[in-house]
Amino acid sequence: MNMNNEKKPAAAIVGRPNVGKSALFNKLAGKRISIVEDTPGVTRDRIYADADWNGKYFTIIDTGGIEVNTDDTILKSMREQAKIAIELADAVIFVVDLKSGPTADDADVAEMLQKSGKPVVLCVNKVDSVGAVPPEFYEFYELGLGEPFAVSALHGTGTGDLLDRLVELLPEQGEENAGENEAVRVAVIGKPNVGKSSMINKFLGENRVIVTDIPGTTRDAIDQYFENEYGKYIFIDTAGIRRQNKIDNNIEKYSVLRAKSAVERSDVCLIIIDAESGPTAHDERIAGIAHEAGKASVIVVNKWDLIEKDNSTTKKFTDKIRAAFAYMSYAPEIFVSAKTGQRVSKIFEVINSVFEQSSKRVTTGALNDVLSEAVARSQPPADRGRRLKIYYMTQTGTRPPVFVLFVNDAELFHFSYLRYIENRIRETFGFTGTPIQFIIKNRNQNDI
């Protein structure tokens, strides 16, 4: 396994809950990536972003707040995620809160960092006043981590000095990692608790995303770079997409937007469905996000190990999927178990296949041969004595494949005949796993 964060210098941002880690992360990344709320514990998983300072490029890792002594399941998971982030990082930004002063938990985190052996930049956040730093700032020297840096993540003051020190501590970046640019970006989407995070953990072979039995645990979209014998991938884990009427606070609203954004950033979408509940109307709406965005998609039926089977079980379930997802009949399905690993490795082969299909280009000559044959087999529709004429067709784009048809009158092009043309294209050239988009143009006129 090969992580891009091991090739590019990385800095983890750690600290107690609600000291302003995510606000600092967003400021350093130069855009709003982490959810920022006044509610402690909003950021649970590790979140990655690329940053640069004075020509030095590195990755920053946001983490959930560290609760050193806790029996709470989520908080314990957050602590483990922060530990992993520290292990992955080349340097650590330890964020503390001026207003609370150095606490016993801060001292425990400082001890954890000292034991890690990683270089640490101590960031005293919420120094929002202009001018000389207040006397209580100097109390943070007692943490034993060297010179603290006064910062206001809210206003951005002090971040320049902080970054100057950080890049001094980061190792020189090696050869530019081309792997990330070559990787297939895969968004893992689905309703809450269908096993998205478990699936990614099985792919990665480590507990990279928090997995619990509590629906809605993963709130952010988190990119995970991964290489194996099948190729190079960036997996984008998303928050479980809840029904719109259950989104009753800002955090959930951000999460739905993040999931949609993850789909937009992806090349391929894995639509995870719970085998026990079967395809639901909610699953259909979630899949529709990928379909409307024109993304190659794979329907992954998870928890297949929990289903009692006979000779017709798979066919019956496939028929249910085909009925539920009639609008995306192009999407292949695969039956897996993230828990046992059953057929999980096969997903990579399917990802590669649908990505290749969505990237395919067909020559204009070959397309028009198919078009001529299709028109000969079934005449275009006519209306009030005027018949549709299709002059020629050409492909203008990929991911998804886009075809432009030049005609005499676009209003004569009925949807059913367009579907017929699409089916002929698929029969000849494949395009399995990807939607196809058409643009109908009146010859010598604007797009219709």
Protein backbone atom coordinates (compact mmCIF):
# COMPACT_ATOMS: atom_id res chain seq x y z
CA MET A 1 0.00 0.00 0.00
CA ASN A 2 1.27 3.46 -0.83
CA MET A 3 -0.17 6.65 0.63
CA ASN A 4 0.48 10.00 -0.98
CA ASN A 5 0.79 11.52 2.49
CA GLU A 6 3.92 9.40 3.01
CA LYS A 7 5.51 10.86 -0.13
CA LYS A 8 4.55 14.49 0.46
CA PRO A 9 5.48 16.20 3.76
CA ALA A 10 2.49 16.14 6.10
CA ALA A 11 1.52 18.11 9.20
CA ALA A 12 -1.20 16.94 11.58
CA ILE A 13 -3.27 19.45 13.55
CA VAL A 14 -4.13 18.02 16.98
CA GLY A 15 -5.48 19.20 20.30
CA ARG A 16 -8.39 19.02 22.70
CA PRO A 17 -11.93 19.39 21.35
CA ASN A 18 -13.12 22.89 20.46
CA VAL A 19 -9.79 24.72 20.61
CA GLY A 20 -10.11 25.86 16.97
CA LYS A 21 -8.29 23.12 15.04
CA SER A 22 -10.73 23.10 12.13
CA ALA A 23 -10.76 26.90 11.89
CA LEU A 24 -6.96 26.84 11.68
CA PHE A 25 -7.08 23.99 9.15
CA ASN A 26 -9.44 25.98 6.93
CA LYS A 27 -7.28 29.08 7.23
CA LEU A 28 -4.12 27.19 6.25
CA ALA A 29 -5.87 25.35 3.42
CA GLY A 30 -7.26 28.64 2.14
CA LYS A 31 -10.82 27.36 1.84
CA ARG A 32 -13.61 25.96 3.95
CA ILE A 33 -12.98 22.21 4.06
CA SER A 34 -13.59 21.21 7.65
CA ILE A 35 -16.95 21.81 9.26
CA VAL A 36 -16.59 24.63 11.80
CA GLU A 37 -19.18 24.77 14.58
CA ASP A 38 -19.16 25.73 18.23
CA THR A 39 -20.27 22.19 19.09
CA PRO A 40 -17.39 20.15 20.54
CA GLY A 41 -16.61 16.96 18.62
CA VAL A 42 -17.81 18.10 15.20
CA THR A 43 -14.67 16.87 13.42
CA ARG A 44 -14.34 13.14 14.02
CA ASP A 45 -12.18 11.68 11.26
CA ARG A 46 -8.93 12.74 9.68
CA ILE A 47 -9.40 15.25 6.86
CA TYR A 48 -6.67 16.04 4.33
CA ALA A 49 -5.89 19.09 2.23
CA ASP A 50 -2.92 20.33 0.22
CA ALA A 51 -1.29 23.58 1.26
CA ASP A 52 1.80 25.56 0.38
CA TRP A 53 3.82 28.29 2.01
CA ASN A 54 6.50 30.25 0.21
CA GLY A 55 6.81 27.58 -2.46
CA LYS A 56 6.90 24.61 -0.08
CA TYR A 57 4.06 22.16 -0.68
CA PHE A 58 2.74 19.87 2.03
CA THR A 59 -0.38 18.11 3.27
CA ILE A 60 -2.27 19.17 6.39
CA ILE A 61 -4.35 16.69 8.35
CA ASP A 62 -7.22 17.85 10.53
CA THR A 63 -8.23 15.51 13.37
CA GLY A 64 -10.94 15.07 15.93
CA GLY A 65 -10.28 16.48 19.38
CA ILE A 66 -8.18 14.24 21.63
CA GLU A 67 -9.85 13.19 24.87
CA VAL A 68 -7.01 11.45 26.67
CA ASN A 69 -9.08 9.73 29.36
CA THR A 70 -12.50 8.67 28.13
CA ASP A 71 -14.72 5.60 27.89
CA ASP A 72 -17.00 7.17 25.26
CA THR A 73 -16.95 5.05 22.07
CA ILE A 74 -16.79 7.95 19.63
CA LEU A 75 -14.22 9.88 21.67
CA LYS A 76 -12.01 6.80 21.97
CA SER A 77 -12.19 6.37 18.19
CA MET A 78 -11.30 10.03 17.71
CA ARG A 79 -8.26 9.57 19.94
CA GLU A 80 -7.13 6.58 17.88
CA GLN A 81 -7.59 8.54 14.64
CA ALA A 82 -5.50 11.38 16.04
CA LYS A 83 -2.76 8.90 16.99
CA ILE A 84 -2.71 7.54 13.45
CA ALA A 85 -2.54 11.09 12.08
CA ILE A 86 0.46 11.81 14.32
CA GLU A 87 2.16 8.63 13.08
CA LEU A 88 1.55 9.62 9.44
CA ALA A 89 2.71 13.21 9.95
CA ASP A 90 6.22 14.60 9.61
CA ALA A 91 5.38 17.41 12.03
CA VAL A 92 2.52 18.30 14.35
CA ILE A 93 0.71 21.56 15.04
CA PHE A 94 -0.56 21.30 18.62
CA VAL A 95 -3.43 23.75 19.12
CA VAL A 96 -4.31 25.05 22.58
CA ASP A 97 -6.79 27.68 23.75
CA LEU A 98 -5.54 30.95 25.25
CA LYS A 99 -8.83 31.51 27.04
CA SER A 100 -8.77 28.23 28.96
CA GLY A 101 -5.02 28.31 29.67
CA PRO A 102 -2.92 25.14 29.74
CA THR A 103 -5.11 22.34 31.09
CA ALA A 104 -4.34 18.90 32.46
CA ASP A 105 -5.56 17.43 29.16
CA ASP A 106 -3.18 19.74 27.29
CA ALA A 107 -0.34 18.41 29.42
CA ASP A 108 -1.38 14.82 28.63
CA VAL A 109 -1.47 15.56 24.89
CA ALA A 110 1.92 17.28 25.13
CA GLU A 111 3.31 14.15 26.78
CA MET A 112 1.81 12.00 23.99
CA LEU A 113 3.50 14.24 21.41
CA GLN A 114 6.85 14.17 23.17
CA LYS A 115 6.73 10.36 23.19
CA SER A 116 5.97 10.34 19.44
CA GLY A 117 9.31 12.00 18.72
CA LYS A 118 7.71 14.18 16.04
CA PRO A 119 8.64 17.86 15.79
CA VAL A 120 5.88 20.04 17.27
CA VAL A 121 4.74 23.61 16.66
CA LEU A 122 2.77 24.87 19.65
CA CYS A 123 -0.11 27.07 18.46
CA VAL A 124 -1.86 29.19 21.08
CA ASN A 125 -5.16 29.98 19.38
CA LYS A 126 -7.78 32.65 20.09
CA VAL A 127 -5.22 35.42 20.66
CA ASP A 128 -7.70 37.79 19.04
CA SER A 129 -6.56 41.10 20.56
CA VAL A 130 -4.30 43.43 18.59
CA GLY A 131 -0.93 44.39 20.04
CA ALA A 132 1.15 42.71 22.71
CA VAL A 133 0.19 39.19 23.68
CA PRO A 134 -1.52 38.92 27.08
CA PRO A 135 0.51 37.67 30.08
CA GLU A 136 -1.38 34.34 30.22
CA PHE A 137 0.11 33.46 26.82
CA TYR A 138 3.46 32.74 28.50
CA GLU A 139 1.93 30.06 30.72
CA PHE A 140 2.03 27.66 27.75
CA TYR A 141 5.82 27.41 27.99
CA GLU A 142 5.20 25.03 30.89
CA LEU A 143 4.00 22.36 28.41
CA GLY A 144 7.67 21.81 27.54
CA LEU A 145 7.24 22.08 23.76
CA GLY A 146 9.39 25.12 23.15
CA GLU A 147 8.30 28.54 21.91
CA PRO A 148 4.53 28.94 21.49
CA PHE A 149 3.07 30.91 18.56
CA ALA A 150 0.23 33.36 19.15
CA VAL A 151 -2.48 32.87 16.52
CA SER A 152 -6.01 33.92 15.80
CA ALA A 153 -7.42 31.31 13.41
CA LEU A 154 -10.56 33.44 13.25
CA HIS A 155 -8.75 36.52 11.91
CA GLY A 156 -5.69 34.79 10.43
CA THR A 157 -3.19 36.76 12.48
CA GLY A 158 0.00 34.97 13.47
CA THR A 159 -0.39 32.20 10.90
CA GLY A 160 2.56 33.47 8.85
CA ASP A 161 5.04 32.99 11.71
CA LEU A 162 3.44 29.63 12.49
CA LEU A 163 3.88 28.46 8.89
CA ASP A 164 7.46 29.75 8.74
CA ARG A 165 8.30 27.52 11.70
CA LEU A 166 6.31 24.58 10.34
CA VAL A 167 8.07 24.47 6.97
CA GLU A 168 11.43 24.62 8.78
CA LEU A 169 10.49 21.39 10.55
CA LEU A 170 9.07 19.57 7.51
CA PRO A 171 11.45 17.42 5.46
CA GLU A 172 12.24 18.44 1.91
CA GLN A 173 9.66 17.15 -0.54
CA GLY A 174 10.92 14.41 -2.78
CA GLU A 175 9.96 13.86 -6.35
CA GLU A 176 6.48 15.19 -7.14
CA ASN A 177 3.97 12.42 -6.62
CA ALA A 178 2.46 11.77 -10.02
CA GLY A 179 0.40 8.90 -8.62
CA GLU A 180 -2.33 11.18 -7.33
CA ASN A 181 -2.81 12.77 -10.73
CA GLU A 182 -3.06 9.33 -12.34
CA ALA A 183 -5.42 7.92 -9.74
CA VAL A 184 -9.10 7.16 -10.29
CA ARG A 185 -11.19 9.24 -7.88
CA VAL A 186 -13.91 7.08 -6.32
CA ALA A 187 -16.76 8.55 -4.24
CA VAL A 188 -18.33 6.08 -1.81
CA ILE A 189 -21.95 7.16 -1.29
CA GLY A 190 -25.04 5.76 0.36
CA LYS A 191 -27.51 6.28 3.15
CA PRO A 192 -26.25 6.13 6.76
CA ASN A 193 -25.02 2.86 8.22
CA VAL A 194 -24.81 0.80 5.03
CA GLY A 195 -21.08 0.14 5.56
CA LYS A 196 -19.31 2.84 3.57
CA SER A 197 -16.53 3.39 6.09
CA SER A 198 -16.16 -0.35 6.69
CA MET A 199 -15.77 -0.82 2.95
CA ILE A 200 -12.99 1.75 2.72
CA ASN A 201 -11.25 0.29 5.76
CA LYS A 202 -11.31 -3.12 4.05
CA PHE A 203 -9.80 -1.55 0.92
CA LEU A 204 -7.07 0.24 2.85
CA GLY A 205 -6.30 -2.52 5.31
CA GLU A 206 -6.24 -0.17 8.28
CA ASN A 207 -8.77 1.65 10.44
CA ARG A 208 -8.46 4.83 8.45
CA VAL A 209 -12.09 5.92 8.89
CA ILE A 210 -14.03 5.70 12.15
CA VAL A 211 -16.39 2.71 12.10
CA THR A 212 -19.05 2.29 14.77
CA ASP A 213 -22.61 1.01 14.81
CA ILE A 214 -23.93 4.55 15.27
CA PRO A 215 -25.55 5.95 12.10
CA GLY A 216 -24.09 9.23 10.91
CA THR A 217 -20.61 8.75 12.38
CA THR A 218 -18.78 9.99 9.27
CA ARG A 219 -19.65 13.61 8.69
CA ASP A 220 -16.96 14.80 6.29
CA ALA A 221 -15.77 13.73 2.87
CA ILE A 222 -12.26 12.40 3.35
CA ASP A 223 -9.82 11.59 0.53
CA GLN A 224 -7.72 8.44 0.88
CA TYR A 225 -4.96 7.75 -1.67
CA PHE A 226 -4.32 4.07 -2.26
CA GLU A 227 -2.33 1.85 -4.62
CA ASN A 228 -2.57 -1.89 -5.17
CA GLU A 229 -2.05 -4.40 -7.97
CA TYR A 230 -5.17 -3.09 -9.73
CA GLY A 231 -4.07 0.54 -9.95
CA LYS A 232 -4.05 3.89 -8.17
CA TYR A 233 -7.16 5.25 -6.46
CA ILE A 234 -8.35 8.13 -4.34
CA PHE A 235 -11.33 7.07 -2.25
CA ILE A 236 -13.67 9.80 -1.10
CA ASP A 237 -15.65 8.63 1.93
CA THR A 238 -18.79 10.69 2.43
CA ALA A 239 -21.22 11.33 5.22
CA GLY A 240 -24.28 9.15 5.03
CA ILE A 241 -26.86 11.09 3.05
CA ARG A 242 -29.99 11.50 5.16
CA ARG A 243 -33.51 12.14 3.94
CA GLN A 244 -34.05 15.87 3.51
CA ASN A 245 -36.75 16.04 6.21
CA LYS A 246 -34.30 14.63 8.77
CA ILE A 247 -31.72 17.33 8.20
CA ASP A 248 -32.46 19.52 11.18
CA ASN A 249 -29.15 21.19 11.93
CA ASN A 250 -26.28 22.92 10.13
CA ILE A 251 -23.85 20.02 10.50
CA GLU A 252 -26.12 17.63 8.59
CA LYS A 253 -26.78 20.28 5.92
CA TYR A 254 -23.05 20.72 5.42
CA SER A 255 -22.66 16.95 5.16
CA VAL A 256 -25.21 16.58 2.36
CA LEU A 257 -23.50 19.38 0.45
CA ARG A 258 -20.15 17.68 1.07
CA ALA A 259 -21.46 14.38 -0.28
CA LYS A 260 -22.72 16.09 -3.42
CA SER A 261 -19.38 17.85 -3.74
CA ALA A 262 -17.58 14.51 -3.37
CA VAL A 263 -19.62 13.10 -6.24
CA GLU A 264 -18.72 16.11 -8.38
CA ARG A 265 -15.00 15.56 -7.64
CA SER A 266 -15.12 11.86 -8.45
CA ASP A 267 -14.59 9.81 -11.60
CA VAL A 268 -16.53 6.78 -10.33
CA CYS A 269 -19.25 6.44 -7.68
CA LEU A 270 -19.71 3.34 -5.56
CA ILE A 271 -23.37 3.33 -4.51
CA ILE A 272 -23.54 1.21 -1.37
CA ILE A 273 -26.83 -0.60 -0.65
CA ASP A 274 -27.72 -2.65 2.43
CA ALA A 275 -28.53 -6.22 1.36
CA GLU A 276 -30.85 -6.71 4.34
CA SER A 277 -33.09 -3.75 3.58
CA GLY A 278 -32.77 -4.00 -0.19
CA PRO A 279 -32.98 -1.02 -2.56
CA THR A 280 -35.16 1.73 -1.11
CA ALA A 281 -36.58 4.98 -2.43
CA HIS A 282 -33.87 6.75 -0.43
CA ASP A 283 -31.20 4.68 -2.21
CA GLU A 284 -32.75 5.72 -5.53
CA ARG A 285 -32.47 9.41 -4.64
CA ILE A 286 -28.85 9.01 -3.55
CA ALA A 287 -27.95 7.18 -6.76
CA GLY A 288 -29.67 9.98 -8.64
CA ILE A 289 -27.01 12.41 -7.40
CA ALA A 290 -24.36 10.37 -9.24
CA HIS A 291 -26.56 9.89 -12.31
CA GLU A 292 -27.40 13.59 -12.62
CA ALA A 293 -23.71 14.46 -12.24
CA GLY A 294 -22.90 12.13 -15.16
CA LYS A 295 -20.61 9.87 -13.13
CA ALA A 296 -19.70 6.29 -13.92
CA SER A 297 -21.30 4.20 -11.19
CA VAL A 298 -21.25 0.76 -9.60
CA ILE A 299 -24.05 -0.53 -7.37
CA VAL A 300 -22.40 -2.34 -4.46
CA VAL A 301 -24.71 -4.56 -2.41
CA ASN A 302 -23.03 -4.82 0.99
CA LYS A 303 -23.69 -7.26 3.87
CA TRP A 304 -24.39 -10.06 1.38
CA ASP A 305 -23.02 -12.51 3.95
CA LEU A 306 -26.13 -11.90 6.10
CA ILE A 307 -28.56 -13.09 3.42
CA GLU A 308 -29.84 -16.67 3.29
CA LYS A 309 -29.40 -17.84 -0.27
CA ASP A 310 -30.70 -20.35 -2.76
CA ASN A 311 -30.15 -20.74 -6.50
CA SER A 312 -32.36 -17.78 -7.36
CA THR A 313 -31.41 -15.29 -4.60
CA THR A 314 -28.92 -13.28 -6.64
CA LYS A 315 -31.23 -13.08 -9.68
CA LYS A 316 -34.20 -11.95 -7.57
CA PHE A 317 -32.13 -9.25 -5.88
CA THR A 318 -30.71 -8.14 -9.23
CA ASP A 319 -34.27 -7.81 -10.59
CA LYS A 320 -35.13 -5.60 -7.60
CA ILE A 321 -32.12 -3.39 -8.34
CA ARG A 322 -33.01 -3.13 -12.02
CA ALA A 323 -36.56 -2.10 -11.11
CA ALA A 324 -35.44 0.44 -8.49
CA PHE A 325 -32.66 1.93 -10.62
CA ALA A 326 -34.39 1.80 -14.00
CA TYR A 327 -32.96 5.22 -14.86
CA MET A 328 -29.39 3.89 -14.56
CA SER A 329 -29.62 0.45 -16.12
CA TYR A 330 -26.05 0.96 -17.34
CA ALA A 331 -24.65 0.52 -13.80
CA PRO A 332 -23.28 -2.96 -13.00
CA GLU A 333 -23.94 -4.47 -9.59
CA ILE A 334 -21.65 -6.49 -7.35
CA PHE A 335 -22.55 -8.41 -4.17
CA VAL A 336 -19.97 -8.13 -1.38
CA SER A 337 -19.36 -8.18 2.35
CA ALA A 338 -17.10 -5.51 3.81
CA LYS A 339 -17.10 -7.46 7.08
CA THR A 340 -15.79 -10.75 5.67
CA GLY A 341 -14.04 -9.31 2.62
CA GLN A 342 -16.13 -11.45 0.27
CA ARG A 343 -15.58 -10.25 -3.33
CA VAL A 344 -14.34 -6.84 -2.14
CA SER A 345 -11.20 -7.12 -4.30
CA LYS A 346 -13.44 -7.61 -7.35
CA ILE A 347 -14.68 -4.05 -6.87
CA PHE A 348 -11.34 -2.74 -8.15
CA GLU A 349 -11.78 -4.59 -11.44
CA VAL A 350 -15.26 -3.13 -11.84
CA ILE A 351 -14.04 0.38 -10.98
CA ASN A 352 -11.33 0.09 -13.62
CA SER A 353 -13.82 -1.18 -16.18
CA VAL A 354 -16.44 1.55 -15.74
CA PHE A 355 -13.75 4.25 -15.57
CA GLU A 356 -12.30 2.99 -18.84
CA GLN A 357 -15.75 2.93 -20.41
CA SER A 358 -16.56 6.47 -19.28
CA SER A 359 -13.22 7.65 -20.72
CA LYS A 360 -13.75 5.95 -24.10
CA ARG A 361 -13.74 7.92 -27.35
CA VAL A 362 -15.34 6.71 -30.58
CA THR A 363 -14.38 8.10 -33.97
CA THR A 364 -16.94 10.14 -35.87
CA GLY A 365 -16.79 7.66 -38.74
CA ALA A 366 -17.60 4.69 -36.54
CA LEU A 367 -20.42 6.59 -34.85
CA ASN A 368 -22.05 7.54 -38.13
CA ASP A 369 -21.85 3.97 -39.41
CA VAL A 370 -23.91 2.95 -36.37
CA LEU A 371 -26.25 5.93 -36.86
CA SER A 372 -26.89 5.05 -40.51
CA GLU A 373 -27.68 1.45 -39.62
CA ALA A 374 -29.98 2.56 -36.78
CA VAL A 375 -31.90 4.96 -39.03
CA ALA A 376 -32.25 2.26 -41.70
CA ARG A 377 -33.70 -0.17 -39.14
CA SER A 378 -36.12 2.36 -37.62
CA GLN A 379 -37.11 5.59 -39.37
CA PRO A 380 -36.89 8.81 -37.30
CA PRO A 381 -40.21 10.19 -36.04
CA ALA A 382 -42.37 12.63 -38.01
CA ASP A 383 -44.83 15.28 -36.86
CA ARG A 384 -47.47 16.98 -39.01
CA GLY A 385 -45.80 15.91 -42.20
CA ARG A 386 -42.25 16.85 -41.15
CA ARG A 387 -39.80 14.05 -40.52
CA LEU A 388 -36.70 14.28 -38.33
CA LYS A 389 -33.45 14.18 -40.27
CA ILE A 390 -30.20 13.35 -38.47
CA TYR A 391 -27.28 14.62 -40.53
CA TYR A 392 -24.43 13.27 -38.44
CA MET A 393 -23.18 12.60 -34.91
CA THR A 394 -19.85 13.21 -33.20
CA GLN A 395 -18.42 12.68 -29.73
CA THR A 396 -17.32 15.87 -27.99
CA GLY A 397 -16.50 14.75 -24.46
CA THR A 398 -15.76 11.98 -21.98
CA ARG A 399 -16.54 11.28 -18.31
CA PRO A 400 -19.36 11.12 -19.21
CA PRO A 401 -19.31 10.46 -22.96
CA VAL A 402 -21.06 13.35 -24.71
CA PHE A 403 -22.46 13.07 -28.23
CA VAL A 404 -23.73 15.90 -30.44
CA LEU A 405 -26.36 15.10 -33.08
CA PHE A 406 -26.96 17.63 -35.85
CA VAL A 407 -30.55 17.58 -37.10
CA ASN A 408 -33.03 19.58 -39.18
CA ASP A 409 -35.40 20.27 -36.26
CA ALA A 410 -34.57 19.38 -32.66
CA GLU A 411 -38.25 19.58 -31.65
CA LEU A 412 -38.93 16.49 -33.75
CA PHE A 413 -36.39 14.43 -31.76
CA HIS A 414 -38.64 12.46 -29.40
CA PHE A 415 -37.16 11.08 -26.20
CA SER A 416 -38.02 7.51 -27.20
CA TYR A 417 -36.01 7.77 -30.42
CA LEU A 418 -33.07 9.26 -28.55
CA ARG A 419 -33.20 6.26 -26.20
CA TYR A 420 -33.21 4.01 -29.27
CA ILE A 421 -30.06 5.70 -30.60
CA GLU A 422 -28.44 5.37 -27.16
CA ASN A 423 -29.21 1.65 -27.06
CA ARG A 424 -27.65 1.15 -30.50
CA ILE A 425 -24.50 2.98 -29.34
CA ARG A 426 -24.27 0.87 -26.20
CA GLU A 427 -24.83 -2.37 -28.13
CA THR A 428 -21.93 -1.52 -30.44
CA PHE A 429 -19.41 0.28 -28.23
CA GLY A 430 -20.28 -0.75 -24.67
CA PHE A 431 -20.12 2.26 -22.34
CA THR A 432 -21.08 -0.08 -19.48
CA GLY A 433 -21.27 1.70 -16.14
CA THR A 434 -21.47 5.24 -17.45
CA PRO A 435 -24.35 7.53 -18.35
CA ILE A 436 -24.33 8.98 -21.85
CA GLN A 437 -25.26 12.59 -22.55
CA PHE A 438 -26.64 13.94 -25.82
CA ILE A 439 -26.73 17.45 -27.22
CA ILE A 440 -29.21 18.00 -30.04
CA LYS A 441 -28.33 20.84 -32.42
CA ASN A 442 -30.23 22.31 -35.29
CA ARG A 443 -27.70 22.52 -38.08
CA ASN A 444 -26.20 26.04 -38.18
CA GLN A 445 -28.15 27.02 -35.03
CA ASN A 446 -27.47 27.17 -31.32
CA ASP A 447 -27.72 24.26 -28.90
CA ILE A 448 -31.19 22.98 -28.03
